[in-house]
N, C-alpha and C. Protein backbone atom coordinates (compact mmCIF):
# COMPACT_ATOMS: atom_id res chain seq x y z
N MET A 1 3.20 30.93 -13.43
CA MET A 1 3.31 29.81 -14.80
C MET A 1 2.88 28.24 -14.72
N ARG A 2 2.26 28.20 -15.38
CA ARG A 2 1.86 26.64 -16.01
C ARG A 2 2.14 25.86 -16.81
N ILE A 3 3.00 24.56 -16.84
CA ILE A 3 3.59 23.95 -17.65
C ILE A 3 1.94 23.21 -17.90
N LYS A 4 2.07 22.91 -19.91
CA LYS A 4 0.97 22.05 -20.47
C LYS A 4 1.84 20.67 -20.34
N ILE A 5 0.96 19.80 -19.83
CA ILE A 5 1.82 18.77 -20.16
C ILE A 5 0.88 17.96 -21.41
N PRO A 6 1.00 17.26 -22.73
CA PRO A 6 0.35 16.99 -23.46
C PRO A 6 -0.60 15.44 -22.84
N ARG A 7 -1.62 15.59 -23.34
CA ARG A 7 -2.72 14.85 -22.42
C ARG A 7 -2.13 13.12 -22.85
N PHE A 8 -1.59 13.16 -23.67
CA PHE A 8 -1.14 11.24 -24.05
C PHE A 8 -0.36 11.04 -22.72
N ILE A 9 0.40 11.94 -22.11
CA ILE A 9 1.50 11.67 -20.93
C ILE A 9 0.41 11.54 -20.00
N VAL A 10 -0.53 12.54 -19.51
CA VAL A 10 -1.39 12.46 -18.53
C VAL A 10 -2.03 11.63 -18.47
N SER A 11 -2.33 11.15 -19.48
CA SER A 11 -3.15 9.64 -19.46
C SER A 11 -2.63 8.48 -19.15
N LYS A 12 -1.89 8.18 -19.21
CA LYS A 12 -0.61 7.17 -19.05
C LYS A 12 0.12 7.09 -17.55
N PHE A 13 -0.21 8.52 -17.11
CA PHE A 13 0.27 8.32 -15.40
C PHE A 13 -0.82 8.81 -14.54
N ASN A 14 -1.58 7.33 -14.73
CA ASN A 14 -2.93 8.12 -14.19
C ASN A 14 -2.64 7.18 -12.79
N GLY A 15 -3.71 7.20 -11.56
CA GLY A 15 -3.21 6.14 -10.34
C GLY A 15 -3.10 5.18 -10.65
N LEU A 16 -3.67 3.90 -11.56
CA LEU A 16 -3.16 3.06 -11.66
C LEU A 16 -2.09 2.55 -12.35
N PHE A 17 -1.35 3.85 -13.19
CA PHE A 17 0.10 3.56 -13.48
C PHE A 17 0.67 3.58 -11.94
N LEU A 18 0.86 4.88 -11.23
CA LEU A 18 1.36 4.49 -10.17
C LEU A 18 1.58 3.73 -9.71
N ILE A 19 0.40 2.92 -8.90
CA ILE A 19 0.23 1.65 -8.44
C ILE A 19 1.06 0.11 -9.05
N PHE A 20 1.36 0.67 -10.09
CA PHE A 20 1.86 -0.48 -10.88
C PHE A 20 3.67 -0.09 -10.63
N ILE A 21 4.19 1.29 -10.53
CA ILE A 21 5.08 1.47 -10.26
C ILE A 21 5.44 1.29 -8.83
N LEU A 22 4.98 1.49 -8.22
CA LEU A 22 5.00 1.17 -6.60
C LEU A 22 4.96 -0.15 -6.42
N PHE A 23 4.42 -0.97 -6.40
CA PHE A 23 4.31 -2.34 -6.20
C PHE A 23 5.37 -3.10 -7.01
N THR A 24 5.84 -2.83 -8.19
CA THR A 24 6.99 -3.62 -8.87
C THR A 24 8.24 -2.74 -8.44
N LEU A 25 8.48 -1.74 -8.17
CA LEU A 25 9.49 -1.43 -6.95
C LEU A 25 9.88 -2.02 -5.65
N LEU A 26 9.11 -2.14 -5.20
CA LEU A 26 8.61 -3.11 -3.86
C LEU A 26 9.02 -4.46 -4.24
N THR A 27 8.39 -5.22 -5.18
CA THR A 27 8.41 -6.69 -5.39
C THR A 27 9.89 -6.66 -5.79
N VAL A 28 10.81 -5.73 -6.81
CA VAL A 28 11.95 -6.05 -7.08
C VAL A 28 12.92 -5.43 -6.30
N LEU A 29 12.80 -4.66 -4.81
CA LEU A 29 13.69 -4.36 -3.97
C LEU A 29 13.45 -5.78 -3.20
N ILE A 30 12.56 -6.52 -2.61
CA ILE A 30 12.14 -7.74 -2.13
C ILE A 30 13.49 -8.72 -2.74
N LEU A 31 13.14 -8.88 -4.01
CA LEU A 31 13.69 -9.89 -4.66
C LEU A 31 15.54 -9.82 -4.65
N ILE A 32 15.73 -8.46 -4.66
CA ILE A 32 17.27 -8.36 -4.85
C ILE A 32 17.72 -8.42 -3.47
N SER A 33 16.72 -8.05 -2.38
CA SER A 33 17.64 -7.53 -0.88
C SER A 33 18.32 -8.56 -0.56
N PRO A 34 18.08 -10.34 -0.88
CA PRO A 34 19.41 -11.00 -0.23
C PRO A 34 20.41 -10.85 -1.05
N PHE A 35 20.62 -10.27 -2.00
CA PHE A 35 21.63 -10.13 -2.67
C PHE A 35 22.15 -8.88 -2.53
N LEU A 36 21.59 -8.58 -1.34
CA LEU A 36 22.58 -7.00 -1.22
C LEU A 36 23.53 -7.36 0.47
N VAL A 37 22.95 -8.59 1.21
CA VAL A 37 23.63 -8.55 2.19
C VAL A 37 24.62 -9.68 1.69
N PRO A 38 25.52 -10.19 2.67
CA PRO A 38 26.43 -11.43 2.29
C PRO A 38 25.63 -12.62 2.77
N LYS A 39 26.11 -13.39 1.98
CA LYS A 39 25.69 -14.82 1.60
C LYS A 39 25.35 -15.51 3.16
N ASP A 40 24.16 -16.48 3.57
CA ASP A 40 24.37 -17.05 4.52
C ASP A 40 23.91 -15.91 5.92
N THR A 41 23.90 -14.94 5.50
CA THR A 41 23.29 -13.73 6.79
C THR A 41 21.68 -14.02 7.55
N LEU A 42 21.23 -14.32 6.84
CA LEU A 42 19.77 -13.96 7.27
C LEU A 42 19.09 -15.56 6.98
N ASN A 43 19.15 -16.33 7.85
CA ASN A 43 18.61 -17.71 7.56
C ASN A 43 17.40 -18.34 8.19
N ASP A 44 16.70 -18.23 9.76
CA ASP A 44 15.56 -17.84 9.96
C ASP A 44 14.99 -16.48 10.63
N LEU A 45 13.88 -16.21 10.03
CA LEU A 45 13.39 -14.99 10.18
C LEU A 45 11.46 -15.07 10.96
N SER A 46 11.80 -16.19 11.23
CA SER A 46 10.35 -16.54 12.02
C SER A 46 9.81 -15.49 12.83
N GLY A 47 8.79 -14.78 12.72
CA GLY A 47 8.29 -14.55 13.48
C GLY A 47 6.35 -14.16 13.65
N ARG A 48 6.49 -13.35 14.26
CA ARG A 48 4.76 -12.68 14.19
C ARG A 48 4.90 -11.87 13.17
N VAL A 49 3.15 -11.71 12.15
CA VAL A 49 3.02 -10.73 11.63
C VAL A 49 2.67 -9.23 12.76
N GLY A 50 2.72 -8.42 12.67
CA GLY A 50 2.66 -6.62 13.54
C GLY A 50 3.58 -6.74 14.21
N PHE A 51 4.41 -7.41 14.29
CA PHE A 51 5.52 -7.52 15.43
C PHE A 51 7.12 -7.42 14.79
N ILE A 52 8.44 -6.10 15.52
CA ILE A 52 9.22 -6.49 15.00
C ILE A 52 9.75 -7.45 15.74
N ASP A 53 10.37 -8.75 14.95
CA ASP A 53 10.73 -9.47 15.85
C ASP A 53 12.46 -10.19 15.76
N ASN A 54 12.89 -9.45 14.19
CA ASN A 54 14.03 -9.60 13.96
C ASN A 54 15.14 -8.94 13.85
N SER A 55 14.91 -7.48 14.43
CA SER A 55 16.07 -6.32 13.79
C SER A 55 17.35 -6.67 14.57
N ASP A 56 17.44 -8.22 15.28
CA ASP A 56 18.74 -8.01 15.72
C ASP A 56 19.82 -8.91 14.10
N GLN A 57 18.91 -9.43 13.82
CA GLN A 57 19.37 -9.74 12.35
C GLN A 57 19.58 -8.82 11.54
N TYR A 58 18.83 -7.69 11.57
CA TYR A 58 19.25 -6.93 10.33
C TYR A 58 19.72 -5.78 10.56
N ASP A 59 19.76 -5.03 11.79
CA ASP A 59 19.69 -3.52 12.11
C ASP A 59 21.71 -2.94 11.42
N ASP A 60 22.63 -4.19 10.84
CA ASP A 60 24.01 -3.79 10.94
C ASP A 60 23.93 -3.84 9.86
N LEU A 61 22.41 -3.83 8.80
CA LEU A 61 22.65 -4.05 7.11
C LEU A 61 22.86 -2.91 6.18
N SER A 62 22.72 -2.44 5.67
CA SER A 62 23.08 -1.25 4.61
C SER A 62 21.42 -0.54 4.57
N ILE A 63 21.45 0.36 4.51
CA ILE A 63 19.99 1.35 4.73
C ILE A 63 18.55 0.43 3.61
N ILE A 64 19.11 0.25 2.47
CA ILE A 64 18.16 -0.69 1.29
C ILE A 64 17.46 -1.70 1.53
N PRO A 65 18.57 -3.03 2.39
CA PRO A 65 17.99 -4.15 2.68
C PRO A 65 17.41 -4.10 4.33
N ARG A 66 18.26 -3.18 4.83
CA ARG A 66 17.68 -3.12 6.65
C ARG A 66 15.97 -2.58 6.40
N ALA A 67 15.58 -1.18 5.41
CA ALA A 67 14.57 -0.83 5.49
C ALA A 67 13.76 -2.01 4.76
N ILE A 68 13.81 -2.87 4.04
CA ILE A 68 13.23 -3.61 3.44
C ILE A 68 12.52 -5.34 4.24
N TYR A 69 13.84 -5.31 5.08
CA TYR A 69 13.62 -6.29 5.91
C TYR A 69 13.10 -6.13 7.05
N LEU A 70 13.00 -4.97 7.55
CA LEU A 70 11.94 -4.15 8.61
C LEU A 70 10.34 -4.28 8.12
N PHE A 71 10.30 -3.54 6.60
CA PHE A 71 8.93 -3.97 6.41
C PHE A 71 8.66 -5.54 6.29
N GLY A 72 9.21 -6.50 5.27
CA GLY A 72 8.79 -7.77 5.91
C GLY A 72 8.70 -8.16 7.37
N ASP A 73 9.75 -7.56 8.50
CA ASP A 73 9.30 -8.00 9.78
C ASP A 73 7.64 -7.61 9.94
N ILE A 74 7.49 -6.50 9.94
CA ILE A 74 6.44 -6.00 10.41
C ILE A 74 5.35 -6.78 9.92
N GLU A 75 5.34 -6.62 8.06
CA GLU A 75 4.08 -7.27 7.68
C GLU A 75 3.80 -8.77 7.38
N CYS A 76 4.89 -9.66 8.09
CA CYS A 76 4.73 -10.73 7.11
C CYS A 76 5.41 -11.72 8.25
N HIS A 77 4.77 -12.97 8.32
CA HIS A 77 5.18 -13.80 9.58
C HIS A 77 6.85 -14.50 9.10
N GLN A 78 7.13 -14.86 7.95
CA GLN A 78 8.39 -14.85 7.83
C GLN A 78 8.57 -16.60 8.09
N ILE A 79 7.88 -17.18 8.48
CA ILE A 79 8.09 -18.51 8.44
C ILE A 79 9.31 -19.26 7.70
N ALA A 80 10.80 -19.16 8.13
CA ALA A 80 11.55 -19.79 7.07
C ALA A 80 10.79 -20.99 6.28
N SER A 81 9.92 -21.85 6.40
CA SER A 81 9.61 -22.93 5.94
C SER A 81 8.80 -22.46 4.72
N ARG A 82 8.11 -21.47 4.75
CA ARG A 82 7.44 -20.74 3.77
C ARG A 82 7.49 -19.33 3.13
N SER A 83 9.14 -19.54 2.95
CA SER A 83 10.14 -18.37 2.69
C SER A 83 10.60 -19.35 1.46
N TYR A 84 11.05 -18.41 0.36
CA TYR A 84 12.00 -18.56 -0.87
C TYR A 84 13.48 -18.18 -0.01
N PHE A 85 14.56 -18.82 -0.54
CA PHE A 85 15.84 -18.61 -0.27
C PHE A 85 16.80 -18.02 -1.31
N LEU A 86 17.20 -16.97 -1.14
CA LEU A 86 17.96 -16.64 -2.60
C LEU A 86 19.52 -15.98 -1.99
N ASN A 87 20.74 -16.51 -2.87
CA ASN A 87 21.64 -15.73 -2.01
C ASN A 87 21.79 -16.39 -0.95
N GLU A 88 21.24 -17.61 -0.36
CA GLU A 88 21.59 -18.01 0.17
C GLU A 88 20.97 -17.70 1.75
N ASN A 89 19.81 -16.38 1.71
CA ASN A 89 19.07 -15.97 2.50
C ASN A 89 17.75 -15.83 2.64
N GLN A 90 17.06 -15.87 3.55
CA GLN A 90 15.85 -16.01 3.45
C GLN A 90 15.13 -14.41 2.80
N LEU A 91 14.10 -14.67 1.84
CA LEU A 91 13.51 -13.25 1.14
C LEU A 91 12.93 -12.61 2.56
N PRO A 92 12.58 -11.13 2.45
CA PRO A 92 11.71 -10.42 3.70
C PRO A 92 10.81 -10.85 3.32
N ILE A 93 9.58 -11.36 2.65
CA ILE A 93 8.23 -12.10 3.05
C ILE A 93 8.67 -13.67 2.40
N CYS A 94 7.24 -14.14 2.95
CA CYS A 94 7.10 -15.54 2.57
C CYS A 94 6.65 -15.79 1.07
N SER A 95 6.32 -16.79 0.68
CA SER A 95 6.40 -17.18 -0.92
C SER A 95 5.06 -16.55 -1.03
N ARG A 96 3.65 -16.61 -0.60
CA ARG A 96 2.48 -16.27 -0.48
C ARG A 96 2.73 -14.99 -0.89
N ASP A 97 3.17 -13.68 0.28
CA ASP A 97 3.04 -12.52 0.19
C ASP A 97 3.90 -12.24 -1.47
N VAL A 98 4.88 -12.73 -1.82
CA VAL A 98 6.07 -13.12 -2.95
C VAL A 98 4.44 -12.86 -4.41
N GLY A 99 4.01 -13.81 -4.12
CA GLY A 99 3.22 -14.01 -5.13
C GLY A 99 1.76 -12.97 -5.19
N ILE A 100 1.51 -12.50 -3.98
CA ILE A 100 0.42 -11.35 -4.14
C ILE A 100 0.99 -9.82 -4.38
N LEU A 101 2.34 -9.85 -4.33
CA LEU A 101 3.06 -8.69 -4.99
C LEU A 101 3.59 -9.14 -6.09
N LEU A 102 3.82 -9.97 -6.70
CA LEU A 102 3.60 -10.17 -8.08
C LEU A 102 2.50 -9.98 -8.70
N GLY A 103 1.50 -10.67 -8.68
CA GLY A 103 0.51 -10.29 -8.96
C GLY A 103 -0.10 -9.23 -9.26
N ILE A 104 -0.03 -8.35 -7.90
CA ILE A 104 -0.39 -7.29 -7.94
C ILE A 104 0.19 -6.15 -9.23
N SER A 105 1.34 -6.54 -9.52
CA SER A 105 2.56 -5.84 -10.00
C SER A 105 1.76 -6.09 -11.58
N ILE A 106 1.55 -7.79 -12.39
CA ILE A 106 1.54 -7.85 -13.08
C ILE A 106 -0.10 -7.35 -13.35
N GLY A 107 -1.07 -7.61 -12.41
CA GLY A 107 -2.59 -6.81 -12.32
C GLY A 107 -2.06 -5.64 -13.43
N ALA A 108 -1.40 -4.97 -12.48
CA ALA A 108 -1.43 -3.52 -12.25
C ALA A 108 -0.71 -2.75 -13.93
N SER A 109 -0.09 -3.56 -14.32
CA SER A 109 0.63 -3.84 -15.61
C SER A 109 -0.40 -3.99 -16.44
N ILE A 110 -1.66 -4.25 -16.55
CA ILE A 110 -2.44 -4.29 -17.03
C ILE A 110 -3.30 -3.64 -17.36
N VAL A 111 -3.69 -3.26 -16.25
CA VAL A 111 -5.31 -2.61 -16.25
C VAL A 111 -4.68 -1.04 -15.41
N ALA A 112 -3.35 -0.49 -15.64
CA ALA A 112 -3.03 0.74 -16.05
C ALA A 112 -2.69 0.84 -17.28
N TYR A 113 -3.04 0.07 -18.60
CA TYR A 113 -3.01 0.71 -19.79
C TYR A 113 -4.54 0.08 -20.64
N ARG A 114 -5.11 -0.44 -20.21
CA ARG A 114 -6.33 -1.02 -20.57
C ARG A 114 -7.68 -1.08 -19.46
N ARG A 115 -8.73 -0.32 -20.12
CA ARG A 115 -9.52 -0.87 -18.80
C ARG A 115 -10.30 -2.22 -19.15
N THR A 116 -10.53 -2.56 -18.20
CA THR A 116 -11.46 -3.76 -18.04
C THR A 116 -12.61 -3.65 -17.33
N VAL A 117 -13.25 -4.77 -17.90
CA VAL A 117 -15.06 -4.87 -17.40
C VAL A 117 -14.39 -5.74 -16.28
N ILE A 118 -14.91 -5.49 -14.81
CA ILE A 118 -15.21 -6.67 -13.74
C ILE A 118 -16.37 -6.92 -13.44
N ARG A 119 -16.11 -8.30 -13.08
CA ARG A 119 -17.47 -8.96 -12.77
C ARG A 119 -17.23 -9.18 -11.23
N PRO A 120 -17.92 -9.02 -10.49
CA PRO A 120 -18.25 -9.34 -9.37
C PRO A 120 -17.65 -10.68 -8.65
N PHE A 121 -18.37 -11.53 -9.44
CA PHE A 121 -18.27 -12.91 -9.64
C PHE A 121 -16.54 -13.34 -10.09
N LEU A 122 -15.89 -12.65 -10.70
CA LEU A 122 -14.66 -13.54 -11.07
C LEU A 122 -13.97 -12.60 -9.99
N LEU A 123 -13.99 -11.55 -8.91
CA LEU A 123 -13.17 -11.06 -7.83
C LEU A 123 -12.96 -11.83 -6.88
N ILE A 124 -14.30 -12.64 -6.64
CA ILE A 124 -14.74 -13.13 -5.25
C ILE A 124 -14.23 -15.11 -5.93
N LEU A 125 -14.14 -15.44 -7.79
CA LEU A 125 -13.45 -16.30 -8.04
C LEU A 125 -11.74 -16.05 -7.55
N GLY A 126 -11.41 -15.10 -7.91
CA GLY A 126 -9.91 -14.98 -7.67
C GLY A 126 -9.38 -15.19 -6.48
N LEU A 127 -10.42 -14.86 -5.41
CA LEU A 127 -9.79 -14.85 -3.92
C LEU A 127 -9.66 -16.13 -3.20
N ILE A 128 -11.18 -17.39 -3.98
CA ILE A 128 -11.13 -18.55 -3.23
C ILE A 128 -9.79 -19.59 -3.28
N PRO A 129 -8.53 -19.29 -4.55
CA PRO A 129 -7.40 -20.34 -4.11
C PRO A 129 -7.04 -19.83 -3.18
N VAL A 130 -6.65 -18.75 -2.52
CA VAL A 130 -5.74 -18.50 -2.17
C VAL A 130 -6.56 -18.27 -0.24
N GLY A 131 -7.81 -18.35 -0.59
CA GLY A 131 -9.04 -18.71 0.94
C GLY A 131 -8.91 -19.76 1.04
N LEU A 132 -9.02 -20.98 0.03
CA LEU A 132 -8.69 -22.23 0.69
C LEU A 132 -7.16 -22.52 1.04
N ASP A 133 -6.17 -22.88 0.22
CA ASP A 133 -5.16 -22.88 0.77
C ASP A 133 -5.05 -22.40 2.06
N GLY A 134 -4.94 -20.95 2.29
CA GLY A 134 -4.47 -20.46 3.67
C GLY A 134 -5.33 -21.29 4.60
N GLY A 135 -6.65 -21.18 4.25
CA GLY A 135 -7.42 -21.74 5.40
C GLY A 135 -7.53 -23.10 5.77
N PHE A 136 -7.63 -23.72 5.08
CA PHE A 136 -7.29 -25.40 5.33
C PHE A 136 -5.32 -25.32 5.79
N GLN A 137 -5.06 -24.51 5.53
CA GLN A 137 -3.40 -24.80 6.02
C GLN A 137 -3.60 -24.04 7.82
N SER A 138 -3.98 -23.25 7.82
CA SER A 138 -4.74 -22.45 9.12
C SER A 138 -5.30 -23.93 10.34
N LEU A 139 -6.59 -24.40 9.39
CA LEU A 139 -7.38 -24.84 10.16
C LEU A 139 -6.94 -26.39 10.40
N THR A 140 -6.14 -27.22 9.34
CA THR A 140 -6.15 -28.68 9.51
C THR A 140 -4.17 -28.90 9.61
N ALA A 141 -4.04 -30.28 9.07
CA ALA A 141 -2.54 -30.40 9.45
C ALA A 141 -2.22 -30.32 7.84
N TYR A 142 -2.73 -29.83 6.88
CA TYR A 142 -2.88 -29.85 5.43
C TYR A 142 -1.31 -28.46 5.51
N GLU A 143 -0.23 -29.21 4.85
CA GLU A 143 0.91 -28.12 4.52
C GLU A 143 1.14 -27.72 3.27
N SER A 144 1.08 -26.61 2.60
CA SER A 144 0.79 -26.12 1.26
C SER A 144 2.29 -26.35 1.19
N THR A 145 3.01 -26.05 -0.39
CA THR A 145 3.74 -25.76 -0.63
C THR A 145 4.11 -24.78 -1.50
N ASN A 146 5.66 -24.14 -1.17
CA ASN A 146 5.74 -22.89 -1.39
C ASN A 146 5.56 -22.20 -2.72
N THR A 147 5.46 -23.65 -3.66
CA THR A 147 4.87 -23.45 -5.34
C THR A 147 3.27 -22.91 -5.32
N VAL A 148 2.42 -23.67 -4.32
CA VAL A 148 0.77 -23.45 -4.51
C VAL A 148 0.90 -22.30 -3.68
N ARG A 149 1.82 -21.71 -2.37
CA ARG A 149 1.82 -20.20 -1.79
C ARG A 149 1.97 -18.98 -2.96
N LEU A 150 2.97 -19.51 -4.04
CA LEU A 150 3.22 -18.34 -4.73
C LEU A 150 2.20 -18.14 -5.99
N ILE A 151 1.54 -19.64 -6.24
CA ILE A 151 0.68 -19.28 -7.42
C ILE A 151 -0.75 -18.83 -6.61
N THR A 152 -1.32 -19.62 -5.81
CA THR A 152 -2.60 -18.80 -5.13
C THR A 152 -2.25 -16.92 -4.79
N GLY A 153 -1.22 -16.78 -4.37
CA GLY A 153 -0.95 -15.49 -4.01
C GLY A 153 -1.08 -14.98 -5.22
N ALA A 154 -0.29 -15.26 -6.60
CA ALA A 154 -0.30 -14.43 -7.41
C ALA A 154 -1.73 -14.32 -7.91
N ILE A 155 -2.67 -15.05 -8.07
CA ILE A 155 -3.66 -15.46 -8.63
C ILE A 155 -4.57 -14.17 -8.20
N ALA A 156 -4.47 -13.87 -6.70
CA ALA A 156 -5.40 -13.11 -5.21
C ALA A 156 -4.52 -11.54 -5.62
N GLY A 157 -3.10 -11.41 -5.85
CA GLY A 157 -2.74 -10.31 -6.21
C GLY A 157 -2.98 -9.73 -7.56
N VAL A 158 -3.74 -10.41 -8.55
CA VAL A 158 -3.78 -10.12 -9.65
C VAL A 158 -5.24 -9.58 -9.81
N THR A 159 -6.62 -10.45 -8.42
CA THR A 159 -7.55 -9.96 -8.38
C THR A 159 -7.49 -8.54 -7.82
N ILE A 160 -6.82 -8.35 -6.71
CA ILE A 160 -6.70 -7.45 -5.97
C ILE A 160 -6.29 -6.08 -6.59
N SER A 161 -5.38 -5.98 -8.14
CA SER A 161 -5.67 -5.21 -9.25
C SER A 161 -6.91 -5.20 -9.62
N LEU A 162 -7.52 -5.84 -10.31
CA LEU A 162 -8.58 -5.68 -10.82
C LEU A 162 -9.60 -4.88 -9.72
N LEU A 163 -9.64 -5.22 -8.56
CA LEU A 163 -10.24 -4.46 -7.55
C LEU A 163 -10.14 -3.14 -7.74
N PHE A 164 -8.70 -2.79 -7.71
CA PHE A 164 -8.09 -1.20 -7.31
C PHE A 164 -8.42 -0.82 -8.88
N SER A 165 -8.54 -1.24 -9.56
CA SER A 165 -9.14 -0.54 -11.16
C SER A 165 -10.70 -0.28 -11.35
N TRP A 166 -11.23 -1.17 -10.66
CA TRP A 166 -12.70 -1.03 -10.64
C TRP A 166 -12.94 0.76 -9.64
N VAL A 167 -12.49 0.03 -8.45
CA VAL A 167 -12.37 1.27 -7.48
C VAL A 167 -12.04 2.50 -8.14
N TYR A 168 -11.20 2.41 -8.76
CA TYR A 168 -10.69 3.91 -9.79
C TYR A 168 -11.21 4.43 -9.91
N HIS A 169 -11.79 3.28 -11.47
CA HIS A 169 -12.79 3.90 -12.47
C HIS A 169 -14.12 4.58 -11.71
N GLU A 170 -14.73 3.84 -10.64
CA GLU A 170 -15.53 4.14 -10.22
C GLU A 170 -16.00 5.47 -9.86
N VAL A 171 -14.89 6.09 -8.94
CA VAL A 171 -14.22 7.15 -7.53
C VAL A 171 -14.17 8.18 -9.34
N ASN A 172 -13.48 7.94 -10.40
CA ASN A 172 -13.53 8.59 -11.37
C ASN A 172 -14.69 9.19 -12.03
N ARG A 173 -15.61 7.80 -11.98
CA ARG A 173 -17.08 8.13 -12.95
C ARG A 173 -17.80 9.03 -11.73
N VAL A 174 -17.92 8.96 -10.77
CA VAL A 174 -18.69 9.58 -9.62
C VAL A 174 -18.01 10.91 -9.51
N GLU A 175 -16.54 11.34 -9.42
CA GLU A 175 -16.02 12.84 -9.69
C GLU A 175 -16.23 13.77 -10.71
N ASN A 176 -16.50 12.82 -11.90
CA ASN A 176 -17.14 13.22 -13.15
C ASN A 176 -18.44 13.24 -14.01
N GLY A 177 -19.19 12.89 -12.55
CA GLY A 177 -20.11 12.92 -12.99
C GLY A 177 -21.39 11.98 -13.93
N VAL A 178 -20.42 11.46 -14.01
CA VAL A 178 -20.78 10.17 -15.17
C VAL A 178 -21.91 9.35 -14.69
N ARG A 179 -22.83 9.16 -15.11
CA ARG A 179 -24.21 8.13 -14.85
C ARG A 179 -24.00 6.91 -15.67
N TYR A 180 -24.30 5.92 -15.27
CA TYR A 180 -24.54 4.82 -16.04
C TYR A 180 -25.98 5.10 -16.69
N PRO A 181 -26.21 4.52 -17.90
CA PRO A 181 -27.26 4.53 -18.66
C PRO A 181 -28.73 3.68 -17.82
N GLU A 182 -29.88 4.20 -17.53
CA GLU A 182 -31.20 3.69 -17.33
C GLU A 182 -31.21 2.74 -17.90
N LYS A 183 -31.35 1.41 -17.38
CA LYS A 183 -32.33 0.64 -17.94
C LYS A 183 -33.80 0.64 -18.54
N THR A 184 -33.92 0.25 -19.53
CA THR A 184 -35.40 0.57 -20.01
C THR A 184 -36.13 -0.90 -19.99
N GLU A 185 -37.78 -0.83 -20.08
CA GLU A 185 -37.87 -1.96 -19.47
C GLU A 185 -38.51 -2.13 -20.57
N LYS A 186 -38.88 -3.70 -21.46
CA LYS A 186 -39.36 -4.10 -22.48
C LYS A 186 -40.71 -4.63 -22.76
């Protein structure tokens, strides 16, 4: 027996909506994790990207904060001076990564419900701030602030959502055999 789902429900639950849900859930879990552990428990998680450096600090935590801090330990450098603190605990990821996740959530919430026209120029333009901020920081003595990292990360996150949207719609267009109208010469 096949259950028929009304079209208006199916259209809302597309891949972009799923991306919105997943990234929003991840962002919320990252922001509440410091409140799920005792105050002043996680003060310096500085480490390296791609390595588990701080498991001794979060192994005894309950499953949700332990999983989120493990994710942050693997995915982010977690340098304390480049991170926000809530409940006197360091967030599982740095301020730039928080901005990227917030930006992806915000951008995905927009593109999940509204088809947007995306110009490649705007995608490149949206990545310039994070590239300049991060690039100058890694190549010079310039040290950005957490607020600047958060803002440039959020701009990059929205840009990434627009890129996801473009790829999603292009794949659907190709799968459905829709062609672009041919250009006519004048």
